């Protein structure tokens, strides 16, 4: 399956020949959920199969500016400050460079990952569209309690042509 096919959700946009995407933006919505009782975070960028955890990732003619996330399921609640959205202009270059950054807290014994920056900017991920393929992830250092784990972080460059 081509990278272009991966970006197109049914009914939202259609490829117009090789390497052409009708929608201009891939809006990646990253939603972070947390269970205080389990001291556990998890991240979604697409909705869960059962619909309990939503993420509004989409392709569109316009850039989204705020993440669209579900409230959670009662056990896990949304953490708005750690959620975020990145509008990726698919016409800005040949490669969609998806950066995944893993963070860890020894005091909480907890990992979580990001693919876009958190709303408050503490946890960065360098996901972007570019003329060149990235080979190393761009990640923030964390916030003091959660630190970057370079070995578990990575980047994948998708050729949009």
Protein backbone atom coordinates (compact mmCIF):
# COMPACT_ATOMS: atom_id res chain seq x y z
CA UNK A 1 0.00 0.00 0.00
CA UNK A 2 1.39 3.41 -0.90
CA UNK A 3 1.83 6.20 1.62
CA UNK A 4 -0.80 8.19 -0.25
CA UNK A 5 -3.32 5.39 0.18
CA UNK A 6 -2.57 5.29 3.91
CA UNK A 7 -3.40 8.97 4.22
CA UNK A 8 -6.78 8.80 2.55
CA UNK A 9 -9.73 7.83 4.70
CA UNK A 10 -12.77 6.46 2.85
CA UNK A 11 -15.04 9.27 1.73
CA UNK A 12 -12.71 12.12 2.64
CA UNK A 13 -10.40 12.53 -0.35
CA UNK A 14 -9.27 10.61 -3.40
CA UNK A 15 -5.95 10.41 -5.14
CA UNK A 16 -5.97 12.24 -8.47
CA UNK A 17 -3.33 10.29 -10.35
CA UNK A 18 0.03 9.14 -9.02
CA UNK A 19 1.25 11.28 -6.15
CA UNK A 20 -1.75 13.65 -6.17
CA UNK A 21 -3.89 14.15 -3.10
CA UNK A 22 -7.12 16.17 -3.34
CA UNK A 23 -7.00 17.26 0.31
CA UNK A 24 -4.21 19.64 1.22
CA UNK A 25 -3.73 18.83 4.92
CA UNK A 26 -3.23 15.73 6.97
CA UNK A 27 -4.44 16.86 10.40
CA UNK A 28 -2.90 14.55 13.00
CA UNK A 29 -4.83 14.70 16.26
CA UNK A 30 -2.91 13.21 19.17
CA UNK A 31 -5.06 12.46 22.20
CA UNK A 32 -3.44 11.52 25.51
CA UNK A 33 -5.41 9.55 28.09
CA UNK A 34 -4.50 8.84 31.71
CA UNK A 35 -5.70 6.55 34.51
CA UNK A 36 -4.64 7.89 37.89
CA UNK A 37 -5.39 4.58 39.60
CA UNK A 38 -3.08 2.71 37.23
CA UNK A 39 -0.56 5.55 36.82
CA UNK A 40 -0.68 4.96 33.11
CA UNK A 41 -0.79 7.18 29.99
CA UNK A 42 -1.60 6.15 26.44
CA UNK A 43 -1.77 8.00 23.16
CA UNK A 44 -4.20 7.69 20.24
CA UNK A 45 -4.02 9.30 16.79
CA UNK A 46 -6.92 7.29 15.38
CA UNK A 47 -10.15 6.23 17.14
CA UNK A 48 -10.14 2.95 19.05
CA UNK A 49 -12.08 0.12 17.39
CA UNK A 50 -14.74 0.22 20.11
CA UNK A 51 -15.14 4.03 19.86
CA UNK A 52 -14.31 4.76 23.52
CA UNK A 53 -11.17 6.74 22.69
CA UNK A 54 -11.51 9.22 19.85
CA UNK A 55 -8.92 11.14 17.88
CA UNK A 56 -10.03 13.44 15.07
CA UNK A 57 -7.17 12.80 12.61
CA UNK A 58 -8.35 13.62 9.08
CA UNK A 59 -7.46 14.88 5.63
CA UNK A 60 -8.96 18.23 4.72
CA UNK A 61 -8.66 21.36 2.61
CA UNK A 62 -8.12 23.34 5.84
CA UNK A 63 -5.66 23.11 8.72
CA UNK A 64 -7.03 22.11 12.12
CA UNK A 65 -5.79 24.21 15.05
CA UNK A 66 -7.13 22.33 18.10
CA UNK A 67 -7.21 18.59 18.77
CA UNK A 68 -10.54 16.79 18.66
CA UNK A 69 -10.52 14.05 21.29
CA UNK A 70 -13.04 11.92 23.13
CA UNK A 71 -13.58 12.19 26.89
CA UNK A 72 -12.34 8.67 27.64
CA UNK A 73 -14.23 5.81 29.23
CA UNK A 74 -14.51 6.61 32.95
CA UNK A 75 -11.33 4.73 33.83
CA UNK A 76 -9.09 6.72 31.49
CA UNK A 77 -9.69 10.44 31.08
CA UNK A 78 -8.41 12.88 28.48
CA UNK A 79 -5.34 14.98 29.37
CA UNK A 80 -5.90 18.10 27.21
CA UNK A 81 -2.51 19.70 27.99
CA UNK A 82 -0.68 16.59 26.68
CA UNK A 83 -2.89 16.29 23.59
CA UNK A 84 -2.16 18.22 20.39
CA UNK A 85 -2.76 18.60 16.68
CA UNK A 86 -0.36 19.08 13.78
CA UNK A 87 -1.66 20.23 10.39
CA UNK A 88 0.71 18.81 7.79
CA UNK A 89 0.65 20.52 4.39
CA UNK A 90 0.89 17.57 2.00
CA UNK A 91 2.03 19.91 -0.79
CA UNK A 92 5.03 21.17 1.20
CA UNK A 93 7.38 18.39 0.11
CA UNK A 94 7.91 14.84 -1.01
CA UNK A 95 8.24 13.15 2.40
CA UNK A 96 5.92 12.84 5.36
CA UNK A 97 8.39 12.44 8.23
CA UNK A 98 6.59 10.93 11.23
CA UNK A 99 8.62 11.36 14.42
CA UNK A 100 7.66 9.21 17.41
CA UNK A 101 9.17 10.28 20.71
CA UNK A 102 9.03 8.05 23.79
CA UNK A 103 9.16 9.53 27.27
CA UNK A 104 9.63 7.75 30.61
CA UNK A 105 9.17 8.61 34.28
CA UNK A 106 11.09 6.48 36.77
CA UNK A 107 9.03 7.86 39.67
CA UNK A 108 5.73 6.94 37.98
CA UNK A 109 7.15 3.84 36.22
CA UNK A 110 5.32 5.00 33.11
CA UNK A 111 6.07 5.46 29.38
CA UNK A 112 4.16 7.48 26.82
CA UNK A 113 4.75 8.45 23.21
CA UNK A 114 4.09 11.52 21.09
CA UNK A 115 3.97 12.06 17.32
CA UNK A 116 3.04 15.76 17.54
CA UNK A 117 3.85 18.33 20.22
CA UNK A 118 1.71 18.47 23.34
CA UNK A 119 -0.56 21.53 23.58
CA UNK A 120 1.70 23.06 26.22
CA UNK A 121 4.87 22.38 24.20
CA UNK A 122 6.65 20.33 26.91
CA UNK A 123 6.78 17.16 24.81
CA UNK A 124 7.89 17.72 21.23
CA UNK A 125 7.90 15.48 18.19
CA UNK A 126 9.26 16.80 14.89
CA UNK A 127 6.63 15.30 12.55
CA UNK A 128 6.54 17.36 9.32
CA UNK A 129 6.45 17.30 5.51
CA UNK A 130 9.73 18.05 3.75
CA UNK A 131 11.67 17.72 0.50
CA UNK A 132 14.04 15.32 2.26
CA UNK A 133 13.62 12.13 4.24
CA UNK A 134 14.57 12.45 7.91
CA UNK A 135 16.87 9.78 9.34
CA UNK A 136 16.89 10.75 13.04
CA UNK A 137 13.97 11.73 15.24
CA UNK A 138 13.55 15.29 16.48
CA UNK A 139 12.25 15.17 20.05
CA UNK A 140 12.08 17.45 23.06
CA UNK A 141 13.95 16.64 26.27
CA UNK A 142 10.80 16.23 28.37
CA UNK A 143 9.72 18.15 31.45
CA UNK A 144 12.02 17.00 34.26
CA UNK A 145 9.69 14.28 35.51
CA UNK A 146 9.41 12.57 32.12
CA UNK A 147 12.63 12.26 30.11
CA UNK A 148 13.19 11.33 26.48
CA UNK A 149 14.17 7.71 25.78
CA UNK A 150 16.23 8.01 22.56
CA UNK A 151 16.52 4.23 22.06
CA UNK A 152 12.71 3.88 21.92
CA UNK A 153 12.18 6.95 19.72
CA UNK A 154 12.32 6.92 15.93
CA UNK A 155 11.30 8.44 12.60
CA UNK A 156 9.66 6.98 9.50
CA UNK A 157 9.80 8.87 6.20
CA UNK A 158 6.85 8.18 3.88
CA UNK A 159 7.38 9.02 0.21
CA UNK A 160 4.23 10.89 -0.85
CA UNK A 161 4.92 10.39 -4.54
